[in-house]
C-alpha atoms as a PDB file:
ATOM      1  CA  MET A   1      22.390 -44.498  20.453  1.00  0.00           C
ATOM      2  CA  ILE A   2      23.274 -42.097  17.696  1.00  0.00           C
ATOM      3  CA  GLU A   3      22.583 -38.366  17.986  1.00  0.00           C
ATOM      4  CA  PRO A   4      19.018 -38.268  16.503  1.00  0.00           C
ATOM      5  CA  LEU A   5      17.916 -41.201  18.640  1.00  0.00           C
ATOM      6  CA  SER A   6      19.377 -39.555  21.706  1.00  0.00           C
ATOM      7  CA  ALA A   7      17.426 -36.395  20.935  1.00  0.00           C
ATOM      8  CA  LEU A   8      14.186 -38.385  20.616  1.00  0.00           C
ATOM      9  CA  ARG A   9      14.885 -40.334  23.800  1.00  0.00           C
ATOM     10  CA  ASP A  10      15.668 -37.104  25.660  1.00  0.00           C
ATOM     11  CA  TRP A  11      12.407 -35.574  24.440  1.00  0.00           C
ATOM     12  CA  ILE A  12      10.473 -38.596  25.722  1.00  0.00           C
ATOM     13  CA  ALA A  13      12.351 -38.547  29.030  1.00  0.00           C
ATOM     14  CA  THR A  14      11.576 -34.863  29.530  1.00  0.00           C
ATOM     15  CA  ARG A  15       7.872 -35.385  28.866  1.00  0.00           C
ATOM     16  CA  HIS A  16       7.392 -38.553  30.901  1.00  0.00           C
ATOM     17  CA  PRO A  17      10.138 -39.039  33.489  1.00  0.00           C
ATOM     18  CA  ASP A  18       7.695 -40.979  35.668  1.00  0.00           C
ATOM     19  CA  LYS A  19       7.047 -43.544  32.911  1.00  0.00           C
ATOM     20  CA  LEU A  20      10.621 -44.018  31.715  1.00  0.00           C
ATOM     21  CA  THR A  21      11.965 -47.244  33.181  1.00  0.00           C
ATOM     22  CA  PRO A  22      15.641 -48.228  33.437  1.00  0.00           C
ATOM     23  CA  ASP A  23      15.133 -50.867  30.737  1.00  0.00           C
ATOM     24  CA  PHE A  24      13.915 -48.298  28.190  1.00  0.00           C
ATOM     25  CA  ASP A  25      15.677 -49.177  24.947  1.00  0.00           C
ATOM     26  CA  LEU A  26      15.225 -49.126  21.182  1.00  0.00           C
ATOM     27  CA  ASP A  27      12.466 -51.755  21.357  1.00  0.00           C
ATOM     28  CA  THR A  28      10.312 -50.194  24.084  1.00  0.00           C
ATOM     29  CA  GLU A  29       6.745 -49.776  22.838  1.00  0.00           C
ATOM     30  CA  LEU A  30       6.235 -46.010  22.701  1.00  0.00           C
ATOM     31  CA  ILE A  31       2.502 -45.891  22.053  1.00  0.00           C
ATOM     32  CA  GLU A  32       1.464 -48.974  23.997  1.00  0.00           C
ATOM     33  CA  THR A  33       3.293 -47.735  27.108  1.00  0.00           C
ATOM     34  CA  ARG A  34       1.894 -44.237  26.488  1.00  0.00           C
ATOM     35  CA  LEU A  35       5.344 -42.672  26.303  1.00  0.00           C
ATOM     36  CA  ILE A  36       3.871 -40.983  23.250  1.00  0.00           C
ATOM     37  CA  ASP A  37       0.155 -40.349  23.483  1.00  0.00           C
ATOM     38  CA  SER A  38      -2.267 -38.517  21.242  1.00  0.00           C
ATOM     39  CA  LEU A  39      -1.522 -35.210  22.959  1.00  0.00           C
ATOM     40  CA  ASP A  40       2.232 -35.587  22.431  1.00  0.00           C
ATOM     41  CA  PHE A  41       2.172 -37.036  18.923  1.00  0.00           C
ATOM     42  CA  ALA A  42       2.142 -33.776  16.928  1.00  0.00           C
ATOM     43  CA  GLU A  43       5.039 -32.340  18.914  1.00  0.00           C
ATOM     44  CA  PHE A  44       6.937 -35.621  18.656  1.00  0.00           C
ATOM     45  CA  LEU A  45       6.521 -35.514  14.862  1.00  0.00           C
ATOM     46  CA  PHE A  46       7.926 -31.994  14.830  1.00  0.00           C
ATOM     47  CA  VAL A  47      10.976 -33.145  16.827  1.00  0.00           C
ATOM     48  CA  LEU A  48      11.393 -36.172  14.552  1.00  0.00           C
ATOM     49  CA  GLU A  49      11.263 -33.945  11.469  1.00  0.00           C
ATOM     50  CA  GLU A  50      13.909 -31.695  13.000  1.00  0.00           C
ATOM     51  CA  VAL A  51      16.333 -34.498  13.861  1.00  0.00           C
ATOM     52  CA  SER A  52      15.773 -36.400  10.613  1.00  0.00           C
ATOM     53  CA  GLY A  53      15.934 -33.305   8.425  1.00  0.00           C
ATOM     54  CA  ARG A  54      12.876 -34.293   6.407  1.00  0.00           C
ATOM     55  CA  LEU A  55       9.137 -33.764   6.368  1.00  0.00           C
ATOM     56  CA  ILE A  56       6.886 -36.655   7.317  1.00  0.00           C
ATOM     57  CA  ASP A  57       3.770 -37.198   5.237  1.00  0.00           C
ATOM     58  CA  LEU A  58       1.274 -38.802   7.613  1.00  0.00           C
ATOM     59  CA  GLU A  59      -0.901 -39.928   4.716  1.00  0.00           C
ATOM     60  CA  THR A  60       1.822 -42.325   3.589  1.00  0.00           C
ATOM     61  CA  VAL A  61       3.029 -43.540   6.994  1.00  0.00           C
ATOM     62  CA  ASP A  62       1.588 -46.403   9.018  1.00  0.00           C
ATOM     63  CA  LEU A  63       1.150 -45.891  12.768  1.00  0.00           C
ATOM     64  CA  GLN A  64       3.289 -49.029  13.313  1.00  0.00           C
ATOM     65  CA  THR A  65       6.217 -46.969  12.057  1.00  0.00           C
ATOM     66  CA  PHE A  66       6.166 -45.118  15.399  1.00  0.00           C
ATOM     67  CA  ARG A  67       6.016 -48.265  17.508  1.00  0.00           C
ATOM     68  CA  SER A  68       9.535 -47.982  18.958  1.00  0.00           C
ATOM     69  CA  LEU A  69      12.740 -46.025  18.521  1.00  0.00           C
ATOM     70  CA  ARG A  70      14.022 -48.961  16.440  1.00  0.00           C
ATOM     71  CA  THR A  71      11.138 -48.719  13.946  1.00  0.00           C
ATOM     72  CA  ILE A  72      11.507 -44.931  13.850  1.00  0.00           C
ATOM     73  CA  GLN A  73      15.224 -45.329  13.195  1.00  0.00           C
ATOM     74  CA  ALA A  74      14.586 -47.801  10.365  1.00  0.00           C
ATOM     75  CA  HIS A  75      11.949 -45.657   8.656  1.00  0.00           C
ATOM     76  CA  PHE A  76      13.203 -42.110   9.203  1.00  0.00           C
ATOM     77  CA  LEU A  77      16.839 -42.038  10.296  1.00  0.00           C
ATOM     78  CA  GLU A  78      18.572 -44.517   8.011  1.00  0.00           C
ATOM     79  CA  GLY A  79      19.405 -44.075   4.366  1.00  0.00           C
END
């Protein structure tokens, strides 16, 4: 994983060490597995904005964008 993805994964691991399984990878469902829940979402967005270096406008983003680290990488960390 590249640096920003590692930072996001570390944030998730710190919040939910009991839910993080050994097979956690870029395609693990973050919301479905409750690695990111409604209580964590705002803080996760803040961390994502920090590592991506850009603001995220929630009015223009679909929730599916946050489905996995792979979808987050594609929408916020590339290009």
